[in-house]
Amino acid sequence: MNQKEYNTCVEAYADRLFRFVVKQIGHEADARDVVQHAFEVLWRKREELIFGKAKSFLFTVARNHMIDNIRKMKRIEQVEILPENAQHAEARNFELKEALDLGLQRLTEIQRTMILLRDYEGYSYKEIAQITELSEAQVKINIFRGRKKLQKFLISIEKVI
């Protein structure tokens, strides 16, 4: 990959990558750091990479770096877990987007990642499989299970409201 192709990758994928990461971690400054790290790794490995594989490489690097950051933060912070009833009571005040975000946070890390890539970013199952380094069957199963959990959560919020 040459410098022109690298610049094309920045123009084509930076916004999509940022949206994906910020949706996952919910903090814009940290998301910018993850995206910057991904493009830095792409630049360092540009001579080894094929231009056509740059998108999946970027998303894979960003995902892995994001997971490392999340694990590091979990070790540093102690999160207070609210009782189940308190979460439902708070959900009454949420708009649909906020309810979806809350539902996404209740999914497993891999389910959330795959649903965001598929439903928010519009990637194909094959592209998601390349990014997550899983088989297409595993991708489909995780997306199906994640959507079911999300549906169940949203229905339970609707009953409370």
Protein backbone atom coordinates (compact mmCIF):
# COMPACT_ATOMS: atom_id res chain seq x y z
CA MET A 1 0.00 0.00 0.00
CA ASN A 2 1.39 3.40 -0.92
CA GLN A 3 0.81 6.81 0.66
CA LYS A 4 -2.02 7.70 -1.73
CA GLU A 5 -3.87 4.48 -0.90
CA TYR A 6 -3.33 5.12 2.81
CA ASN A 7 -4.83 8.59 2.46
CA THR A 8 -7.77 7.06 0.61
CA CYS A 9 -8.29 4.70 3.56
CA VAL A 10 -8.28 7.62 5.99
CA GLU A 11 -10.89 9.48 3.95
CA ALA A 12 -13.05 6.42 3.39
CA TYR A 13 -12.96 4.70 6.78
CA ALA A 14 -12.12 7.21 9.53
CA ASP A 15 -15.71 8.34 10.15
CA ARG A 16 -17.16 4.82 10.02
CA LEU A 17 -14.47 3.52 12.34
CA PHE A 18 -15.03 6.39 14.77
CA ARG A 19 -18.81 5.80 14.83
CA PHE A 20 -18.28 2.11 15.49
CA VAL A 21 -15.84 2.70 18.35
CA VAL A 22 -17.74 5.54 20.01
CA LYS A 23 -20.92 3.44 19.92
CA GLN A 24 -19.03 0.65 21.66
CA ILE A 25 -17.31 2.62 24.39
CA GLY A 26 -19.49 5.73 24.60
CA HIS A 27 -16.65 8.22 25.08
CA GLU A 28 -15.56 10.37 22.13
CA ALA A 29 -12.04 11.18 23.34
CA ASP A 30 -11.23 7.51 23.93
CA ALA A 31 -12.79 6.64 20.56
CA ARG A 32 -10.53 9.17 18.82
CA ASP A 33 -7.51 7.57 20.51
CA VAL A 34 -8.55 4.10 19.34
CA VAL A 35 -9.10 5.30 15.76
CA GLN A 36 -5.78 7.14 15.76
CA HIS A 37 -4.05 4.01 17.05
CA ALA A 38 -5.64 1.90 14.28
CA PHE A 39 -4.45 4.28 11.56
CA GLU A 40 -1.01 4.44 13.16
CA VAL A 41 -0.74 0.63 13.01
CA LEU A 42 -1.99 0.72 9.41
CA TRP A 43 0.73 3.24 8.53
CA ARG A 44 3.44 1.13 10.16
CA LYS A 45 2.27 -2.00 8.32
CA ARG A 46 1.36 -0.29 5.02
CA GLU A 47 4.13 -1.99 3.06
CA GLU A 48 2.96 -5.44 4.16
CA LEU A 49 -0.76 -4.89 3.54
CA ILE A 50 -2.85 -5.11 0.42
CA PHE A 51 -5.04 -2.06 -0.16
CA GLY A 52 -8.20 -4.20 -0.48
CA LYS A 53 -7.71 -5.63 3.02
CA ALA A 54 -7.21 -2.27 4.72
CA LYS A 55 -10.81 -1.87 5.93
CA SER A 56 -11.01 -5.19 7.72
CA PHE A 57 -7.49 -4.66 9.11
CA LEU A 58 -8.46 -1.25 10.52
CA PHE A 59 -11.63 -2.55 12.17
CA THR A 60 -9.78 -5.55 13.59
CA VAL A 61 -7.00 -3.40 15.06
CA ALA A 62 -9.52 -0.90 16.46
CA ARG A 63 -11.67 -3.66 17.95
CA ASN A 64 -8.71 -5.35 19.60
CA HIS A 65 -7.32 -2.07 20.97
CA MET A 66 -10.77 -1.08 22.21
CA ILE A 67 -11.16 -4.42 24.00
CA ASP A 68 -7.75 -3.96 25.64
CA ASN A 69 -8.78 -0.48 26.82
CA ILE A 70 -12.12 -1.76 28.15
CA ARG A 71 -10.41 -4.54 30.08
CA LYS A 72 -7.90 -2.09 31.51
CA MET A 73 -10.66 0.29 32.60
CA LYS A 74 -12.64 -2.56 34.20
CA ARG A 75 -9.63 -3.34 36.35
CA ILE A 76 -9.28 0.30 37.37
CA GLU A 77 -12.91 1.21 37.99
CA GLN A 78 -15.39 -0.51 40.21
CA VAL A 79 -18.80 -0.34 38.65
CA GLU A 80 -21.81 -0.18 40.92
CA ILE A 81 -24.42 -2.61 39.63
CA LEU A 82 -27.96 -1.37 39.98
CA PRO A 83 -30.71 -3.76 41.02
CA GLU A 84 -32.81 -5.07 38.14
CA ASN A 85 -35.87 -3.08 39.25
CA ALA A 86 -33.91 0.17 39.40
CA GLN A 87 -32.76 -0.26 35.81
CA HIS A 88 -36.37 -0.77 34.68
CA ALA A 89 -37.56 2.26 36.66
CA GLU A 90 -34.90 4.44 35.05
CA ALA A 91 -35.85 3.15 31.61
CA ARG A 92 -39.22 4.91 31.86
CA ASN A 93 -37.47 8.21 31.24
CA PHE A 94 -35.44 7.07 28.25
CA GLU A 95 -36.29 7.84 24.70
CA LEU A 96 -36.02 5.03 22.17
CA LYS A 97 -32.39 5.77 21.31
CA GLU A 98 -31.36 5.78 24.93
CA ALA A 99 -33.28 2.55 25.51
CA LEU A 100 -31.48 0.96 22.56
CA ASP A 101 -28.12 2.11 23.91
CA LEU A 102 -28.96 0.66 27.30
CA GLY A 103 -30.04 -2.59 25.67
CA LEU A 104 -26.83 -2.75 23.66
CA GLN A 105 -24.80 -2.40 26.85
CA ARG A 106 -26.53 -5.48 28.27
CA LEU A 107 -25.34 -7.65 25.39
CA THR A 108 -22.10 -9.55 25.49
CA GLU A 109 -19.13 -7.74 24.02
CA ILE A 110 -19.05 -9.88 20.88
CA GLN A 111 -22.83 -9.62 20.29
CA ARG A 112 -22.73 -5.84 20.68
CA THR A 113 -19.77 -5.58 18.29
CA MET A 114 -21.45 -7.69 15.64
CA ILE A 115 -24.84 -5.96 15.88
CA LEU A 116 -23.18 -2.56 15.59
CA LEU A 117 -21.17 -3.67 12.58
CA ARG A 118 -24.18 -5.28 10.89
CA ASP A 119 -27.12 -3.03 11.80
CA TYR A 120 -25.45 0.33 12.40
CA GLU A 121 -22.59 0.22 9.91
CA GLY A 122 -24.13 -2.10 7.30
CA TYR A 123 -21.30 -4.61 6.93
CA SER A 124 -21.97 -8.00 5.41
CA TYR A 125 -21.65 -11.21 7.40
CA LYS A 126 -18.48 -12.02 5.48
CA GLU A 127 -16.89 -8.65 6.31
CA ILE A 128 -17.83 -9.03 9.99
CA ALA A 129 -16.29 -12.50 9.99
CA GLN A 130 -13.04 -11.04 8.65
CA ILE A 131 -13.04 -8.22 11.20
CA THR A 132 -13.79 -10.44 14.20
CA GLU A 133 -11.80 -13.43 12.92
CA LEU A 134 -14.79 -15.76 13.39
CA SER A 135 -16.67 -17.91 10.91
CA GLU A 136 -19.74 -16.57 9.12
CA ALA A 137 -21.86 -19.12 10.99
CA GLN A 138 -20.61 -17.83 14.35
CA VAL A 139 -21.31 -14.27 13.22
CA LYS A 140 -24.89 -15.13 12.25
CA ILE A 141 -25.49 -16.99 15.51
CA ASN A 142 -24.15 -14.13 17.64
CA ILE A 143 -26.17 -11.54 15.75
CA PHE A 144 -29.33 -13.65 16.07
CA ARG A 145 -28.82 -14.18 19.81
CA GLY A 146 -27.93 -10.54 20.37
CA ARG A 147 -31.03 -9.35 18.54
CA LYS A 148 -33.19 -11.72 20.60
CA LYS A 149 -31.71 -10.39 23.87
CA LEU A 150 -32.19 -6.83 22.66
CA GLN A 151 -35.79 -7.58 21.66
CA LYS A 152 -36.51 -9.18 25.03
CA PHE A 153 -35.02 -6.20 26.86
CA LEU A 154 -36.99 -3.68 24.81
CA ILE A 155 -40.23 -5.61 25.38
CA SER A 156 -39.58 -5.64 29.13
CA ILE A 157 -39.06 -1.87 29.09
CA GLU A 158 -42.30 -1.44 27.17
CA LYS A 159 -44.19 -3.41 29.83
CA VAL A 160 -42.75 -1.21 32.58
CA ILE A 161 -43.64 1.98 30.74
